[in-house]
Amino acid sequence: MEGTMRGSPTGVDFEAFAADVWPRIYRAAYLLTGQHADAEDLAQQTLLQAHQAWGMVSAADSPTAYVRRMLTNAFISGRRSRARRPERLTDEVDDAETSRSPGGDAVVDVDERASLWPHVLALPPRQRAVVVLRYYEGLSEREIADALGCAPGTVKASAHRALRSLRATLDAESASESGSESASESLTEGKEA
């Protein structure tokens, strides 16, 4: 599909491109935001920007990679501006949603990653983007560097910091869960000895 997008930037070409990349863009947006509504907004915003810059996007070596970079940049920029705004709290409860995008494509196997996912969402935006693009999307360090507009060394460092943070969080969580058992086991072992 990417090869056909390099021709003249017509509306039909963009529509075909958008239909082709929507499942991947939506999935990446969901993995970055952790919310279906936010993911849909981010994916739509990204495709709107891609449409407005279709001449440059369609002329890129990889229009999909170009749009992926637009998506990650929009996510990181949005997180920065949202961090500066106070959040409005409501009593509304999110509807139970399936793990499928509006098009019906599987987004993520929620059961497999449920225990890890809240910790990934707690990472800083750039580290979260690296984890999502590397371990959920399967991109290479070079592709991630291109998507984030940074050097591969920065991707490696961000991945290292993110994994170190996740390990520390999971180790602390594991220690607190098994801490009471370990303490009681050591007490009973001490009595028997």
N, C-alpha and C. Protein backbone atom coordinates (compact mmCIF):
# COMPACT_ATOMS: atom_id res chain seq x y z
N MET A 1 0.82 -1.19 0.00
CA MET A 1 0.00 0.00 0.00
C MET A 1 0.86 1.25 0.00
N GLU A 2 1.98 1.22 0.74
CA GLU A 2 2.79 2.43 0.82
C GLU A 2 3.32 2.85 -0.54
N GLY A 3 3.63 1.91 -1.39
CA GLY A 3 4.14 2.25 -2.71
C GLY A 3 3.11 2.99 -3.55
N THR A 4 1.83 2.66 -3.39
CA THR A 4 0.79 3.32 -4.17
C THR A 4 0.52 4.73 -3.66
N MET A 5 0.96 5.05 -2.48
CA MET A 5 0.69 6.37 -1.92
C MET A 5 1.71 7.41 -2.38
N ARG A 6 2.72 7.01 -3.13
CA ARG A 6 3.77 7.95 -3.50
C ARG A 6 3.42 8.75 -4.73
N GLY A 7 2.33 8.41 -5.37
CA GLY A 7 1.94 9.12 -6.58
C GLY A 7 1.31 10.46 -6.26
N SER A 8 0.40 10.88 -7.12
CA SER A 8 -0.23 12.19 -6.92
C SER A 8 -1.09 12.17 -5.66
N PRO A 9 -1.01 13.25 -4.89
CA PRO A 9 -1.75 13.29 -3.63
C PRO A 9 -3.22 13.65 -3.83
N THR A 10 -4.01 12.70 -4.29
CA THR A 10 -5.43 12.96 -4.48
C THR A 10 -6.20 12.53 -3.25
N GLY A 11 -7.44 12.98 -3.16
CA GLY A 11 -8.29 12.60 -2.04
C GLY A 11 -8.52 11.10 -1.98
N VAL A 12 -8.65 10.46 -3.15
CA VAL A 12 -8.85 9.02 -3.19
C VAL A 12 -7.64 8.30 -2.61
N ASP A 13 -6.43 8.75 -2.95
CA ASP A 13 -5.23 8.13 -2.41
C ASP A 13 -5.20 8.25 -0.89
N PHE A 14 -5.54 9.41 -0.38
CA PHE A 14 -5.53 9.59 1.07
C PHE A 14 -6.58 8.70 1.73
N GLU A 15 -7.77 8.65 1.14
CA GLU A 15 -8.82 7.82 1.72
C GLU A 15 -8.40 6.36 1.79
N ALA A 16 -7.77 5.85 0.73
CA ALA A 16 -7.29 4.47 0.74
C ALA A 16 -6.19 4.28 1.78
N PHE A 17 -5.30 5.24 1.85
CA PHE A 17 -4.22 5.19 2.84
C PHE A 17 -4.79 5.20 4.25
N ALA A 18 -5.71 6.12 4.52
CA ALA A 18 -6.30 6.23 5.85
C ALA A 18 -7.02 4.95 6.25
N ALA A 19 -7.76 4.36 5.32
CA ALA A 19 -8.45 3.11 5.61
C ALA A 19 -7.46 1.99 5.91
N ASP A 20 -6.34 1.99 5.21
CA ASP A 20 -5.32 0.96 5.41
C ASP A 20 -4.61 1.10 6.76
N VAL A 21 -4.27 2.33 7.15
CA VAL A 21 -3.48 2.52 8.37
C VAL A 21 -4.33 2.71 9.63
N TRP A 22 -5.63 2.94 9.49
CA TRP A 22 -6.46 3.22 10.66
C TRP A 22 -6.29 2.18 11.77
N PRO A 23 -6.38 0.87 11.50
CA PRO A 23 -6.26 -0.09 12.61
C PRO A 23 -4.93 0.03 13.36
N ARG A 24 -3.84 0.23 12.63
CA ARG A 24 -2.53 0.35 13.29
C ARG A 24 -2.40 1.66 14.05
N ILE A 25 -2.88 2.74 13.46
CA ILE A 25 -2.80 4.05 14.11
C ILE A 25 -3.68 4.05 15.36
N TYR A 26 -4.89 3.51 15.25
CA TYR A 26 -5.78 3.45 16.40
C TYR A 26 -5.18 2.59 17.51
N ARG A 27 -4.62 1.45 17.14
CA ARG A 27 -4.02 0.55 18.14
C ARG A 27 -2.87 1.24 18.86
N ALA A 28 -2.00 1.89 18.12
CA ALA A 28 -0.88 2.61 18.74
C ALA A 28 -1.41 3.73 19.64
N ALA A 29 -2.43 4.44 19.18
CA ALA A 29 -3.01 5.52 19.98
C ALA A 29 -3.62 4.97 21.27
N TYR A 30 -4.29 3.83 21.17
CA TYR A 30 -4.87 3.22 22.37
C TYR A 30 -3.78 2.79 23.35
N LEU A 31 -2.73 2.21 22.82
CA LEU A 31 -1.65 1.77 23.70
C LEU A 31 -0.95 2.96 24.35
N LEU A 32 -0.89 4.07 23.66
CA LEU A 32 -0.27 5.27 24.24
C LEU A 32 -1.17 5.92 25.28
N THR A 33 -2.47 6.02 24.99
CA THR A 33 -3.37 6.77 25.87
C THR A 33 -4.00 5.91 26.95
N GLY A 34 -4.25 4.65 26.64
CA GLY A 34 -4.90 3.77 27.60
C GLY A 34 -6.40 3.95 27.68
N GLN A 35 -6.97 4.79 26.85
CA GLN A 35 -8.41 5.07 26.85
C GLN A 35 -8.93 5.02 25.42
N HIS A 36 -10.06 4.35 25.22
CA HIS A 36 -10.61 4.24 23.86
C HIS A 36 -10.98 5.60 23.29
N ALA A 37 -11.65 6.43 24.08
CA ALA A 37 -12.08 7.74 23.57
C ALA A 37 -10.87 8.62 23.24
N ASP A 38 -9.88 8.63 24.12
CA ASP A 38 -8.67 9.42 23.86
C ASP A 38 -7.92 8.89 22.65
N ALA A 39 -7.91 7.57 22.50
CA ALA A 39 -7.22 6.96 21.35
C ALA A 39 -7.90 7.35 20.05
N GLU A 40 -9.22 7.33 20.05
CA GLU A 40 -9.94 7.71 18.84
C GLU A 40 -9.69 9.17 18.50
N ASP A 41 -9.70 10.04 19.52
CA ASP A 41 -9.41 11.46 19.29
C ASP A 41 -8.01 11.65 18.73
N LEU A 42 -7.02 10.98 19.34
CA LEU A 42 -5.63 11.11 18.90
C LEU A 42 -5.45 10.58 17.48
N ALA A 43 -6.05 9.43 17.18
CA ALA A 43 -5.92 8.86 15.84
C ALA A 43 -6.59 9.76 14.80
N GLN A 44 -7.77 10.28 15.11
CA GLN A 44 -8.46 11.17 14.18
C GLN A 44 -7.69 12.47 13.98
N GLN A 45 -7.17 13.02 15.07
CA GLN A 45 -6.37 14.24 14.97
C GLN A 45 -5.15 14.00 14.09
N THR A 46 -4.52 12.85 14.26
CA THR A 46 -3.33 12.53 13.47
C THR A 46 -3.67 12.39 11.99
N LEU A 47 -4.76 11.69 11.68
CA LEU A 47 -5.14 11.53 10.28
C LEU A 47 -5.59 12.85 9.67
N LEU A 48 -6.19 13.72 10.46
CA LEU A 48 -6.55 15.05 9.96
C LEU A 48 -5.28 15.83 9.60
N GLN A 49 -4.28 15.78 10.47
CA GLN A 49 -3.01 16.44 10.18
C GLN A 49 -2.34 15.83 8.96
N ALA A 50 -2.43 14.50 8.83
CA ALA A 50 -1.85 13.83 7.67
C ALA A 50 -2.55 14.27 6.38
N HIS A 51 -3.87 14.41 6.45
CA HIS A 51 -4.62 14.86 5.28
C HIS A 51 -4.21 16.28 4.89
N GLN A 52 -4.05 17.15 5.89
CA GLN A 52 -3.67 18.53 5.62
C GLN A 52 -2.26 18.63 5.04
N ALA A 53 -1.40 17.67 5.38
CA ALA A 53 -0.02 17.67 4.88
C ALA A 53 0.20 16.51 3.91
N TRP A 54 -0.86 16.10 3.20
CA TRP A 54 -0.80 14.90 2.37
C TRP A 54 0.30 14.96 1.32
N GLY A 55 0.59 16.12 0.79
CA GLY A 55 1.66 16.23 -0.20
C GLY A 55 2.99 15.75 0.36
N MET A 56 3.33 16.18 1.58
CA MET A 56 4.58 15.74 2.21
C MET A 56 4.48 14.30 2.67
N VAL A 57 3.34 13.92 3.23
CA VAL A 57 3.18 12.55 3.74
C VAL A 57 3.30 11.55 2.60
N SER A 58 2.60 11.80 1.50
CA SER A 58 2.61 10.84 0.39
C SER A 58 3.96 10.78 -0.31
N ALA A 59 4.76 11.84 -0.20
CA ALA A 59 6.08 11.85 -0.82
C ALA A 59 7.15 11.20 0.07
N ALA A 60 6.81 10.90 1.30
CA ALA A 60 7.78 10.31 2.23
C ALA A 60 8.14 8.89 1.79
N ASP A 61 9.33 8.44 2.18
CA ASP A 61 9.73 7.07 1.86
C ASP A 61 8.74 6.06 2.44
N SER A 62 8.25 6.34 3.62
CA SER A 62 7.26 5.48 4.27
C SER A 62 6.17 6.36 4.87
N PRO A 63 5.08 6.56 4.13
CA PRO A 63 3.99 7.38 4.66
C PRO A 63 3.47 6.87 6.01
N THR A 64 3.44 5.55 6.19
CA THR A 64 2.97 5.00 7.46
C THR A 64 3.89 5.42 8.60
N ALA A 65 5.19 5.35 8.39
CA ALA A 65 6.14 5.77 9.42
C ALA A 65 6.01 7.26 9.69
N TYR A 66 5.77 8.03 8.65
CA TYR A 66 5.59 9.48 8.79
C TYR A 66 4.38 9.78 9.68
N VAL A 67 3.29 9.07 9.42
CA VAL A 67 2.07 9.28 10.20
C VAL A 67 2.26 8.77 11.63
N ARG A 68 2.99 7.68 11.79
CA ARG A 68 3.28 7.17 13.14
C ARG A 68 4.05 8.22 13.94
N ARG A 69 4.98 8.90 13.28
CA ARG A 69 5.73 9.96 13.96
C ARG A 69 4.79 11.11 14.33
N MET A 70 3.89 11.46 13.43
CA MET A 70 2.91 12.51 13.73
C MET A 70 2.09 12.12 14.96
N LEU A 71 1.71 10.85 15.04
CA LEU A 71 0.92 10.35 16.16
C LEU A 71 1.69 10.47 17.47
N THR A 72 2.92 10.00 17.50
CA THR A 72 3.69 10.05 18.75
C THR A 72 4.00 11.48 19.15
N ASN A 73 4.28 12.33 18.18
CA ASN A 73 4.52 13.75 18.49
C ASN A 73 3.26 14.40 19.07
N ALA A 74 2.11 14.10 18.48
CA ALA A 74 0.85 14.66 18.98
C ALA A 74 0.57 14.15 20.39
N PHE A 75 0.85 12.88 20.64
CA PHE A 75 0.64 12.32 21.98
C PHE A 75 1.52 13.02 23.01
N ILE A 76 2.81 13.13 22.70
CA ILE A 76 3.75 13.75 23.65
C ILE A 76 3.40 15.22 23.86
N SER A 77 3.08 15.93 22.79
CA SER A 77 2.69 17.34 22.92
C SER A 77 1.41 17.49 23.73
N GLY A 78 0.46 16.62 23.48
CA GLY A 78 -0.80 16.66 24.22
C GLY A 78 -0.61 16.39 25.69
N ARG A 79 0.29 15.48 26.03
CA ARG A 79 0.57 15.18 27.44
C ARG A 79 1.19 16.39 28.12
N ARG A 80 2.06 17.08 27.41
CA ARG A 80 2.70 18.27 27.99
C ARG A 80 1.66 19.33 28.30
N SER A 81 0.78 19.61 27.33
CA SER A 81 -0.22 20.67 27.55
C SER A 81 -1.24 20.24 28.59
N ARG A 82 -1.60 18.97 28.64
CA ARG A 82 -2.56 18.48 29.62
C ARG A 82 -1.98 18.54 31.03
N ALA A 83 -0.67 18.35 31.16
CA ALA A 83 -0.03 18.41 32.47
C ALA A 83 -0.12 19.82 33.05
N ARG A 84 -0.24 20.81 32.19
CA ARG A 84 -0.32 22.20 32.64
C ARG A 84 -1.74 22.61 33.01
N ARG A 85 -2.74 21.84 32.54
CA ARG A 85 -4.15 22.16 32.82
C ARG A 85 -4.65 21.33 33.99
N PRO A 86 -5.48 21.91 34.85
CA PRO A 86 -6.08 21.10 35.91
C PRO A 86 -7.10 20.14 35.30
N GLU A 87 -7.20 18.95 35.86
CA GLU A 87 -8.13 17.95 35.36
C GLU A 87 -9.47 18.12 36.06
N ARG A 88 -10.55 18.01 35.30
CA ARG A 88 -11.89 18.13 35.85
C ARG A 88 -12.38 16.74 36.23
N LEU A 89 -12.72 16.56 37.48
CA LEU A 89 -13.19 15.26 37.96
C LEU A 89 -14.70 15.20 37.87
N THR A 90 -15.22 14.02 37.49
CA THR A 90 -16.66 13.83 37.41
C THR A 90 -17.02 12.53 38.10
N ASP A 91 -18.31 12.32 38.29
CA ASP A 91 -18.78 11.07 38.87
C ASP A 91 -19.12 10.04 37.81
N GLU A 92 -18.87 10.38 36.54
CA GLU A 92 -19.20 9.47 35.45
C GLU A 92 -18.29 8.25 35.48
N VAL A 93 -18.87 7.11 35.15
CA VAL A 93 -18.11 5.87 35.08
C VAL A 93 -17.99 5.50 33.61
N ASP A 94 -16.79 5.10 33.18
CA ASP A 94 -16.60 4.69 31.79
C ASP A 94 -17.46 3.47 31.50
N ASP A 95 -18.03 3.44 30.30
CA ASP A 95 -18.76 2.26 29.87
C ASP A 95 -17.78 1.12 29.71
N ALA A 96 -18.25 -0.08 30.01
CA ALA A 96 -17.39 -1.24 29.79
C ALA A 96 -17.20 -1.37 28.29
N GLU A 97 -15.95 -1.33 27.88
CA GLU A 97 -15.64 -1.38 26.46
C GLU A 97 -14.91 -2.67 26.14
N THR A 98 -15.09 -3.12 24.93
CA THR A 98 -14.36 -4.30 24.51
C THR A 98 -12.96 -3.89 24.12
N SER A 99 -12.13 -4.86 23.88
CA SER A 99 -10.75 -4.56 23.48
C SER A 99 -10.65 -4.50 21.97
N ARG A 100 -11.68 -3.95 21.34
CA ARG A 100 -11.68 -3.83 19.88
C ARG A 100 -11.84 -2.38 19.48
N SER A 101 -11.22 -2.05 18.36
CA SER A 101 -11.35 -0.69 17.83
C SER A 101 -12.71 -0.56 17.16
N PRO A 102 -13.12 0.66 16.79
CA PRO A 102 -14.40 0.83 16.12
C PRO A 102 -14.51 0.00 14.85
N GLY A 103 -13.41 -0.29 14.18
CA GLY A 103 -13.43 -1.08 12.97
C GLY A 103 -13.52 -2.57 13.24
N GLY A 104 -13.42 -2.99 14.51
CA GLY A 104 -13.54 -4.39 14.85
C GLY A 104 -12.21 -5.11 14.96
N ASP A 105 -11.10 -4.43 14.78
CA ASP A 105 -9.80 -5.07 14.87
C ASP A 105 -9.37 -5.16 16.32
N ALA A 106 -8.75 -6.28 16.70
CA ALA A 106 -8.28 -6.44 18.07
C ALA A 106 -7.24 -5.38 18.37
N VAL A 107 -7.36 -4.76 19.52
CA VAL A 107 -6.43 -3.72 19.92
C VAL A 107 -5.36 -4.31 20.82
N VAL A 108 -5.75 -4.98 21.85
CA VAL A 108 -4.78 -5.53 22.78
C VAL A 108 -5.47 -6.64 23.57
N ASP A 109 -4.76 -7.69 23.89
CA ASP A 109 -5.29 -8.75 24.72
C ASP A 109 -5.21 -8.27 26.16
N VAL A 110 -6.31 -7.75 26.66
CA VAL A 110 -6.35 -7.10 27.96
C VAL A 110 -5.98 -8.06 29.08
N ASP A 111 -6.44 -9.31 29.00
CA ASP A 111 -6.15 -10.26 30.07
C ASP A 111 -4.67 -10.52 30.24
N GLU A 112 -3.94 -10.66 29.13
CA GLU A 112 -2.52 -10.97 29.21
C GLU A 112 -1.70 -9.84 29.82
N ARG A 113 -2.09 -8.60 29.55
CA ARG A 113 -1.25 -7.48 29.94
C ARG A 113 -1.86 -6.62 31.05
N ALA A 114 -2.95 -7.09 31.62
CA ALA A 114 -3.68 -6.27 32.59
C ALA A 114 -2.83 -5.89 33.79
N SER A 115 -2.02 -6.80 34.28
CA SER A 115 -1.24 -6.48 35.47
C SER A 115 -0.10 -5.51 35.17
N LEU A 116 0.43 -5.53 33.97
CA LEU A 116 1.54 -4.65 33.61
C LEU A 116 1.06 -3.29 33.11
N TRP A 117 -0.11 -3.26 32.48
CA TRP A 117 -0.57 -2.07 31.79
C TRP A 117 -0.64 -0.81 32.66
N PRO A 118 -1.19 -0.86 33.89
CA PRO A 118 -1.23 0.37 34.69
C PRO A 118 0.16 0.96 34.94
N HIS A 119 1.15 0.10 35.04
CA HIS A 119 2.51 0.57 35.27
C HIS A 119 3.08 1.23 34.01
N VAL A 120 2.74 0.68 32.84
CA VAL A 120 3.17 1.30 31.58
C VAL A 120 2.52 2.67 31.44
N LEU A 121 1.25 2.77 31.79
CA LEU A 121 0.54 4.06 31.70
C LEU A 121 1.12 5.10 32.65
N ALA A 122 1.78 4.66 33.71
CA ALA A 122 2.36 5.60 34.68
C ALA A 122 3.73 6.13 34.24
N LEU A 123 4.30 5.54 33.19
CA LEU A 123 5.61 6.01 32.71
C LEU A 123 5.49 7.41 32.11
N PRO A 124 6.59 8.17 32.10
CA PRO A 124 6.58 9.47 31.40
C PRO A 124 6.25 9.25 29.91
N PRO A 125 5.68 10.24 29.23
CA PRO A 125 5.22 10.07 27.85
C PRO A 125 6.25 9.48 26.89
N ARG A 126 7.48 9.97 26.90
CA ARG A 126 8.48 9.47 25.95
C ARG A 126 8.81 8.00 26.25
N GLN A 127 8.98 7.66 27.52
CA GLN A 127 9.27 6.27 27.88
C GLN A 127 8.10 5.37 27.51
N ARG A 128 6.89 5.84 27.75
CA ARG A 128 5.71 5.06 27.39
C ARG A 128 5.66 4.85 25.88
N ALA A 129 5.96 5.90 25.12
CA ALA A 129 5.96 5.78 23.66
C ALA A 129 6.98 4.74 23.21
N VAL A 130 8.17 4.76 23.81
CA VAL A 130 9.21 3.79 23.44
C VAL A 130 8.74 2.37 23.76
N VAL A 131 8.18 2.16 24.95
CA VAL A 131 7.72 0.82 25.33
C VAL A 131 6.61 0.35 24.40
N VAL A 132 5.66 1.21 24.11
CA VAL A 132 4.55 0.84 23.22
C VAL A 132 5.07 0.51 21.83
N LEU A 133 5.90 1.38 21.28
CA LEU A 133 6.38 1.17 19.91
C LEU A 133 7.30 -0.05 19.81
N ARG A 134 8.08 -0.31 20.84
CA ARG A 134 9.04 -1.43 20.79
C ARG A 134 8.37 -2.76 21.12
N TYR A 135 7.69 -2.82 22.25
CA TYR A 135 7.20 -4.10 22.75
C TYR A 135 5.77 -4.43 22.36
N TYR A 136 4.97 -3.43 22.02
CA TYR A 136 3.60 -3.70 21.60
C TYR A 136 3.47 -3.63 20.09
N GLU A 137 4.18 -2.68 19.46
CA GLU A 137 4.11 -2.52 18.01
C GLU A 137 5.21 -3.28 17.29
N GLY A 138 6.28 -3.66 18.01
CA GLY A 138 7.35 -4.45 17.41
C GLY A 138 8.29 -3.68 16.49
N LEU A 139 8.41 -2.37 16.69
CA LEU A 139 9.29 -1.58 15.84
C LEU A 139 10.75 -1.72 16.28
N SER A 140 11.65 -1.52 15.35
CA SER A 140 13.08 -1.54 15.66
C SER A 140 13.47 -0.22 16.32
N GLU A 141 14.66 -0.19 16.92
CA GLU A 141 15.14 1.05 17.54
C GLU A 141 15.23 2.17 16.51
N ARG A 142 15.66 1.86 15.30
CA ARG A 142 15.76 2.86 14.24
C ARG A 142 14.38 3.42 13.91
N GLU A 143 13.38 2.54 13.76
CA GLU A 143 12.03 2.98 13.44
C GLU A 143 11.45 3.85 14.57
N ILE A 144 11.74 3.46 15.80
CA ILE A 144 11.26 4.25 16.94
C ILE A 144 11.94 5.61 16.95
N ALA A 145 13.24 5.62 16.69
CA ALA A 145 13.98 6.89 16.64
C ALA A 145 13.39 7.80 15.57
N ASP A 146 13.07 7.23 14.41
CA ASP A 146 12.44 8.02 13.35
C ASP A 146 11.07 8.54 13.78
N ALA A 147 10.29 7.67 14.45
CA ALA A 147 8.95 8.07 14.88
C ALA A 147 8.99 9.17 15.94
N LEU A 148 10.00 9.12 16.80
CA LEU A 148 10.08 10.10 17.89
C LEU A 148 10.97 11.29 17.54
N GLY A 149 11.66 11.22 16.41
CA GLY A 149 12.53 12.31 16.01
C GLY A 149 13.75 12.45 16.91
N CYS A 150 14.35 11.32 17.26
CA CYS A 150 15.52 11.35 18.13
C CYS A 150 16.53 10.31 17.64
N ALA A 151 17.67 10.24 18.30
CA ALA A 151 18.72 9.29 17.94
C ALA A 151 18.40 7.90 18.51
N PRO A 152 18.88 6.84 17.85
CA PRO A 152 18.67 5.49 18.37
C PRO A 152 19.22 5.33 19.80
N GLY A 153 20.28 6.04 20.12
CA GLY A 153 20.82 5.98 21.48
C GLY A 153 19.83 6.51 22.51
N THR A 154 19.07 7.52 22.12
CA THR A 154 18.04 8.07 23.01
C THR A 154 16.93 7.05 23.22
N VAL A 155 16.60 6.31 22.16
CA VAL A 155 15.59 5.25 22.27
C VAL A 155 16.09 4.18 23.23
N LYS A 156 17.35 3.76 23.07
CA LYS A 156 17.91 2.74 23.97
C LYS A 156 17.89 3.21 25.41
N ALA A 157 18.29 4.45 25.64
CA ALA A 157 18.31 4.98 27.01
C ALA A 157 16.90 5.06 27.58
N SER A 158 15.95 5.52 26.77
CA SER A 158 14.56 5.61 27.24
C SER A 158 14.00 4.23 27.55
N ALA A 159 14.30 3.26 26.69
CA ALA A 159 13.83 1.89 26.93
C ALA A 159 14.46 1.33 28.21
N HIS A 160 15.75 1.58 28.39
CA HIS A 160 16.44 1.10 29.59
C HIS A 160 15.80 1.70 30.85
N ARG A 161 15.57 3.01 30.83
CA ARG A 161 14.97 3.67 32.00
C ARG A 161 13.55 3.16 32.25
N ALA A 162 12.80 2.98 31.18
CA ALA A 162 11.42 2.50 31.32
C ALA A 162 11.40 1.09 31.90
N LEU A 163 12.24 0.22 31.36
CA LEU A 163 12.27 -1.16 31.86
C LEU A 163 12.77 -1.22 33.30
N ARG A 164 13.75 -0.39 33.62
CA ARG A 164 14.26 -0.34 35.00
C ARG A 164 13.14 0.12 35.94
N SER A 165 12.41 1.12 35.53
CA SER A 165 11.30 1.62 36.34
C SER A 165 10.21 0.56 36.50
N LEU A 166 9.87 -0.12 35.41
CA LEU A 166 8.85 -1.17 35.48
C LEU A 166 9.30 -2.31 36.38
N ARG A 167 10.56 -2.73 36.24
CA ARG A 167 11.08 -3.80 37.10
C ARG A 167 11.03 -3.40 38.57
N ALA A 168 11.46 -2.18 38.87
CA ALA A 168 11.46 -1.71 40.26
C ALA A 168 10.04 -1.68 40.82
N THR A 169 9.11 -1.20 40.02
CA THR A 169 7.72 -1.14 40.46
C THR A 169 7.16 -2.53 40.68
N LEU A 170 7.42 -3.43 39.74
CA LEU A 170 6.91 -4.80 39.87
C LEU A 170 7.58 -5.54 41.01
N ASP A 171 8.88 -5.32 41.21
CA ASP A 171 9.59 -5.94 42.34
C ASP A 171 9.02 -5.46 43.66
N ALA A 172 8.78 -4.15 43.77
CA ALA A 172 8.21 -3.59 45.00
C ALA A 172 6.81 -4.14 45.24
N GLU A 173 6.04 -4.24 44.18
CA GLU A 173 4.68 -4.78 44.28
C GLU A 173 4.72 -6.24 44.71
N SER A 174 5.62 -7.00 44.11
CA SER A 174 5.77 -8.41 44.44
C SER A 174 6.24 -8.59 45.89
N ALA A 175 7.18 -7.75 46.31
CA ALA A 175 7.70 -7.83 47.68
C ALA A 175 6.61 -7.50 48.69
N SER A 176 5.77 -6.52 48.38
CA SER A 176 4.71 -6.15 49.32
C SER A 176 3.64 -7.24 49.38
N GLU A 177 3.38 -7.91 48.26
CA GLU A 177 2.40 -8.99 48.25
C GLU A 177 2.92 -10.22 48.98
N SER A 178 4.19 -10.54 48.79
CA SER A 178 4.75 -11.72 49.43
C SER A 178 5.46 -11.38 50.74
N GLY A 179 5.55 -10.11 51.07
CA GLY A 179 6.25 -9.67 52.28
C GLY A 179 5.63 -10.24 53.54
N SER A 180 4.31 -10.23 53.64
CA SER A 180 3.67 -10.76 54.83
C SER A 180 3.86 -12.26 54.92
N GLU A 181 3.84 -12.95 53.77
CA GLU A 181 4.08 -14.39 53.78
C GLU A 181 5.52 -14.68 54.17
N SER A 182 6.46 -13.92 53.60
CA SER A 182 7.87 -14.13 53.89
C SER A 182 8.16 -13.89 55.36
N ALA A 183 7.58 -12.83 55.91
CA ALA A 183 7.81 -12.52 57.31
C ALA A 183 7.25 -13.62 58.19
N SER A 184 6.06 -14.10 57.86
CA SER A 184 5.47 -15.16 58.68
C SER A 184 6.24 -16.46 58.52
N GLU A 185 6.74 -16.73 57.30
CA GLU A 185 7.54 -17.94 57.09
C GLU A 185 8.83 -17.87 57.88
N SER A 186 9.48 -16.72 57.89
CA SER A 186 10.75 -16.61 58.61
C SER A 186 10.52 -16.71 60.11
N LEU A 187 9.37 -16.24 60.60
CA LEU A 187 9.07 -16.36 62.02
C LEU A 187 8.86 -17.82 62.40
N THR A 188 8.13 -18.56 61.56
CA THR A 188 7.90 -19.97 61.89
C THR A 188 9.17 -20.78 61.72
N GLU A 189 10.00 -20.41 60.76
CA GLU A 189 11.28 -21.11 60.59
C GLU A 189 12.18 -20.84 61.78
N GLY A 190 12.14 -19.62 62.31
CA GLY A 190 12.98 -19.26 63.46
C GLY A 190 12.58 -20.04 64.70
N LYS A 191 11.28 -20.32 64.86
CA LYS A 191 10.80 -21.07 66.03
C LYS A 191 11.22 -22.52 65.94
N GLU A 192 11.22 -23.07 64.71
CA GLU A 192 11.56 -24.48 64.54
C GLU A 192 13.05 -24.71 64.71
N ALA A 193 13.87 -23.74 64.42
CA ALA A 193 15.31 -23.92 64.45
C ALA A 193 15.88 -23.95 65.83
